[in-house]
């Protein structure tokens, strides 16, 4: 249509230079269309990447944490929400549906966020999960190399994270979030990162992850 408009509006006697000007203008217009299409395509690519990341964080069907965990040989379970009533002592007798706990009655204060050399009180850790934390614990049969890998994983993104031994796990590693439990026999960076990305910050009493720094 643009060519037809040009032809109908063109004077009957046209000099060479003016025809060249119109060809140059048409070339520039076409170049502008190509450049605009490239920018639009780039914007669509960025939008797709953002949407894909959100689906990953939400544990969606595409690249879900369950799939990553299964590929690493881990089991993944979801438990009923047992609430978050408070108890006044570490010695309180609380029966949890899972080991380690993923929800339920807990001590009035969460444990300090950080990396521990000794086991943390089970009755307190559910409080950290309630605030949106992720806790990684490992048994006494986990080797030194794997323990180093776990420390590196923790140090890479430590906010709202707890890393601690749990001797009773033996040769297993667990990752817990509110109502979520993954159990693994080895460290797998992709699977552990998928769990953390999907469930950190998702507790029923959510705090900004940046506010849950180590030592707080």
Protein backbone atom coordinates (compact mmCIF):
# COMPACT_ATOMS: atom_id res chain seq x y z
CA UNK A 1 0.00 0.00 0.00
CA UNK A 2 2.84 2.40 0.73
CA UNK A 3 4.21 1.89 -2.81
CA UNK A 4 0.79 2.57 -4.32
CA UNK A 5 0.46 5.83 -2.38
CA UNK A 6 3.89 6.89 -3.53
CA UNK A 7 3.04 6.20 -7.15
CA UNK A 8 -0.28 8.07 -7.15
CA UNK A 9 1.25 11.13 -5.49
CA UNK A 10 4.38 11.18 -7.69
CA UNK A 11 4.57 14.10 -10.23
CA UNK A 12 4.45 13.09 -13.90
CA UNK A 13 7.94 14.48 -14.53
CA UNK A 14 10.29 13.28 -11.78
CA UNK A 15 13.98 14.01 -11.69
CA UNK A 16 16.61 11.45 -10.76
CA UNK A 17 17.72 12.93 -7.42
CA UNK A 18 14.15 13.10 -6.08
CA UNK A 19 13.55 9.46 -6.98
CA UNK A 20 16.71 8.52 -5.09
CA UNK A 21 15.47 10.51 -2.07
CA UNK A 22 12.21 8.56 -2.04
CA UNK A 23 14.05 5.25 -2.32
CA UNK A 24 16.30 6.25 0.57
CA UNK A 25 13.25 7.24 2.63
CA UNK A 26 11.59 3.89 1.92
CA UNK A 27 14.78 2.05 2.86
CA UNK A 28 14.97 3.97 6.13
CA UNK A 29 11.33 3.18 6.91
CA UNK A 30 11.95 -0.51 6.32
CA UNK A 31 15.05 -0.41 8.53
CA UNK A 32 12.99 1.23 11.26
CA UNK A 33 10.37 -1.53 11.05
CA UNK A 34 13.07 -4.22 11.33
CA UNK A 35 14.68 -2.49 14.33
CA UNK A 36 11.29 -2.11 16.04
CA UNK A 37 10.54 -5.79 15.53
CA UNK A 38 13.91 -6.71 17.05
CA UNK A 39 13.24 -4.58 20.13
CA UNK A 40 9.75 -6.07 20.50
CA UNK A 41 11.16 -9.59 20.24
CA UNK A 42 13.77 -8.84 22.89
CA UNK A 43 11.08 -7.49 25.23
CA UNK A 44 9.03 -10.65 24.76
CA UNK A 45 12.09 -12.75 25.60
CA UNK A 46 12.69 -10.83 28.81
CA UNK A 47 9.02 -11.17 29.78
CA UNK A 48 9.14 -14.92 29.16
CA UNK A 49 12.23 -15.25 31.33
CA UNK A 50 10.58 -13.34 34.18
CA UNK A 51 7.41 -15.42 33.96
CA UNK A 52 9.50 -18.59 33.88
CA UNK A 53 11.36 -17.50 36.99
CA UNK A 54 8.08 -16.80 38.80
CA UNK A 55 6.77 -20.22 37.89
CA UNK A 56 9.94 -21.78 39.23
CA UNK A 57 9.70 -19.86 42.51
CA UNK A 58 6.10 -20.90 42.92
CA UNK A 59 6.99 -24.56 42.47
CA UNK A 60 5.01 -24.77 39.23
CA UNK A 61 4.77 -27.80 36.99
CA UNK A 62 7.57 -26.58 34.72
CA UNK A 63 10.91 -27.16 36.44
CA UNK A 64 9.21 -27.72 39.81
CA UNK A 65 11.32 -28.36 42.93
CA UNK A 66 9.72 -31.80 43.24
CA UNK A 67 11.06 -32.73 39.81
CA UNK A 68 14.53 -31.45 40.67
CA UNK A 69 14.50 -33.34 43.97
CA UNK A 70 13.30 -36.55 42.34
CA UNK A 71 16.05 -36.28 39.73
CA UNK A 72 18.57 -36.06 42.59
CA UNK A 73 17.16 -39.18 44.25
CA UNK A 74 15.43 -37.27 47.05
CA UNK A 75 11.94 -37.78 48.43
CA UNK A 76 9.57 -34.82 48.78
CA UNK A 77 6.58 -34.68 51.12
CA UNK A 78 3.89 -32.20 52.07
CA UNK A 79 2.30 -32.42 55.52
CA UNK A 80 -0.87 -30.91 57.00
CA UNK A 81 -0.50 -27.52 58.64
CA UNK A 82 -0.45 -28.24 62.40
CA UNK A 83 -0.69 -24.60 63.37
CA UNK A 84 1.76 -22.50 65.31
CA UNK A 85 0.71 -22.24 68.94
CA UNK A 86 3.47 -21.26 71.37
CA UNK A 87 4.99 -23.28 74.19
CA UNK A 88 7.03 -21.77 77.02
CA UNK A 89 9.85 -24.31 77.35
CA UNK A 90 12.32 -26.27 75.27
CA UNK A 91 11.25 -29.25 77.35
CA UNK A 92 7.65 -29.08 76.20
CA UNK A 93 6.42 -32.41 74.89
CA UNK A 94 5.22 -31.87 71.36
CA UNK A 95 4.40 -34.65 68.90
CA UNK A 96 5.02 -33.73 65.27
CA UNK A 97 3.77 -35.45 62.12
CA UNK A 98 7.23 -35.40 60.55
CA UNK A 99 10.87 -35.66 61.51
CA UNK A 100 12.20 -33.01 61.50
CA UNK A 101 9.03 -30.98 62.11
CA UNK A 102 7.50 -28.87 59.36
CA UNK A 103 4.83 -27.07 61.41
CA UNK A 104 3.09 -27.27 64.77
CA UNK A 105 3.44 -25.92 68.32
CA UNK A 106 6.82 -24.32 68.96
CA UNK A 107 8.88 -22.30 71.38
CA UNK A 108 7.97 -18.63 71.67
CA UNK A 109 11.20 -17.52 69.98
CA UNK A 110 12.82 -18.93 66.83
CA UNK A 111 16.45 -19.99 66.88
CA UNK A 112 18.95 -17.40 65.66
CA UNK A 113 19.45 -17.62 61.92
CA UNK A 114 22.84 -19.09 61.12
CA UNK A 115 25.10 -22.09 60.70
CA UNK A 116 25.42 -24.35 63.76
CA UNK A 117 27.96 -26.89 64.99
CA UNK A 118 25.42 -28.54 67.31
CA UNK A 119 21.83 -29.67 66.86
CA UNK A 120 19.12 -27.08 67.37
CA UNK A 121 16.02 -27.67 69.55
CA UNK A 122 13.29 -29.29 67.46
CA UNK A 123 10.61 -27.47 69.44
CA UNK A 124 12.07 -24.13 68.33
CA UNK A 125 12.85 -24.74 64.65
CA UNK A 126 9.21 -24.82 63.58
CA UNK A 127 9.04 -21.15 64.59
CA UNK A 128 11.74 -20.35 62.00
CA UNK A 129 9.72 -22.18 59.37
CA UNK A 130 6.63 -20.21 60.34
CA UNK A 131 8.56 -17.01 59.54
CA UNK A 132 9.39 -18.33 56.07
CA UNK A 133 12.74 -19.94 56.81
CA UNK A 134 14.37 -23.00 55.29
CA UNK A 135 16.34 -25.37 57.54
CA UNK A 136 18.96 -27.82 56.26
CA UNK A 137 20.04 -30.59 58.64
CA UNK A 138 22.37 -33.54 58.19
CA UNK A 139 23.05 -36.81 60.00
CA UNK A 140 26.21 -37.94 61.78
CA UNK A 141 27.18 -40.27 58.90
CA UNK A 142 27.41 -37.46 56.36
CA UNK A 143 31.03 -37.15 55.20
CA UNK A 144 33.33 -34.15 55.46
CA UNK A 145 33.17 -33.36 51.74
CA UNK A 146 29.38 -33.14 51.79
CA UNK A 147 29.47 -30.98 54.92
CA UNK A 148 31.71 -28.53 53.11
CA UNK A 149 29.29 -28.49 50.17
CA UNK A 150 26.43 -27.73 52.55
CA UNK A 151 28.35 -24.86 54.13
CA UNK A 152 29.11 -23.39 50.72
CA UNK A 153 25.44 -23.71 49.76
CA UNK A 154 24.38 -21.98 52.97
CA UNK A 155 26.97 -19.19 52.67
CA UNK A 156 25.86 -18.45 49.11
CA UNK A 157 22.47 -17.15 50.34
CA UNK A 158 22.21 -17.32 54.15
CA UNK A 159 19.22 -15.07 54.88
CA UNK A 160 16.25 -16.93 56.39
CA UNK A 161 18.41 -20.07 56.50
CA UNK A 162 19.59 -22.44 59.22
CA UNK A 163 22.20 -25.16 58.72
CA UNK A 164 22.72 -27.61 61.58
CA UNK A 165 23.61 -31.21 62.33
CA UNK A 166 20.91 -33.66 63.37
CA UNK A 167 22.70 -36.90 64.33
CA UNK A 168 19.55 -39.04 64.21
CA UNK A 169 19.35 -38.57 60.45
CA UNK A 170 22.36 -40.87 59.97
CA UNK A 171 23.36 -40.78 56.29
CA UNK A 172 20.56 -38.44 55.23
CA UNK A 173 20.11 -34.71 54.67
CA UNK A 174 16.78 -32.95 55.14
CA UNK A 175 15.44 -29.63 53.95
CA UNK A 176 12.37 -28.26 55.68
CA UNK A 177 10.03 -25.35 55.07
CA UNK A 178 6.53 -24.77 56.40
CA UNK A 179 4.64 -28.08 55.72
CA UNK A 180 7.43 -29.21 53.33
CA UNK A 181 10.08 -31.88 53.82
CA UNK A 182 12.72 -33.15 51.41
CA UNK A 183 15.01 -36.04 52.36
CA UNK A 184 18.20 -36.74 50.41
CA UNK A 185 21.17 -39.08 50.63
CA UNK A 186 23.55 -36.69 48.91
CA UNK A 187 23.99 -33.01 48.20
CA UNK A 188 22.69 -31.80 44.85
CA UNK A 189 23.05 -28.08 44.19
CA UNK A 190 20.25 -27.85 41.63
CA UNK A 191 17.74 -29.69 43.82
CA UNK A 192 18.65 -27.82 47.00
CA UNK A 193 18.52 -24.47 45.20
CA UNK A 194 15.13 -25.34 43.73
CA UNK A 195 13.74 -26.12 47.18
CA UNK A 196 15.13 -22.90 48.64
CA UNK A 197 13.87 -20.78 45.75
CA UNK A 198 10.39 -22.28 45.90
CA UNK A 199 9.72 -22.26 49.64
CA UNK A 200 11.89 -19.68 51.36
CA UNK A 201 9.82 -16.70 52.44
CA UNK A 202 6.55 -18.65 52.11
CA UNK A 203 5.68 -19.27 55.79
CA UNK A 204 2.32 -18.22 57.24
CA UNK A 205 4.00 -15.36 59.16
CA UNK A 206 6.15 -13.91 56.40
CA UNK A 207 9.02 -11.59 57.07
CA UNK A 208 11.15 -9.91 54.38
CA UNK A 209 14.02 -12.28 53.67
CA UNK A 210 16.50 -9.40 54.00
CA UNK A 211 15.34 -8.93 57.62
CA UNK A 212 16.25 -12.54 58.51
CA UNK A 213 20.02 -12.22 58.22
CA UNK A 214 22.46 -14.49 60.09
CA UNK A 215 22.76 -13.51 63.74
CA UNK A 216 19.24 -12.12 64.04
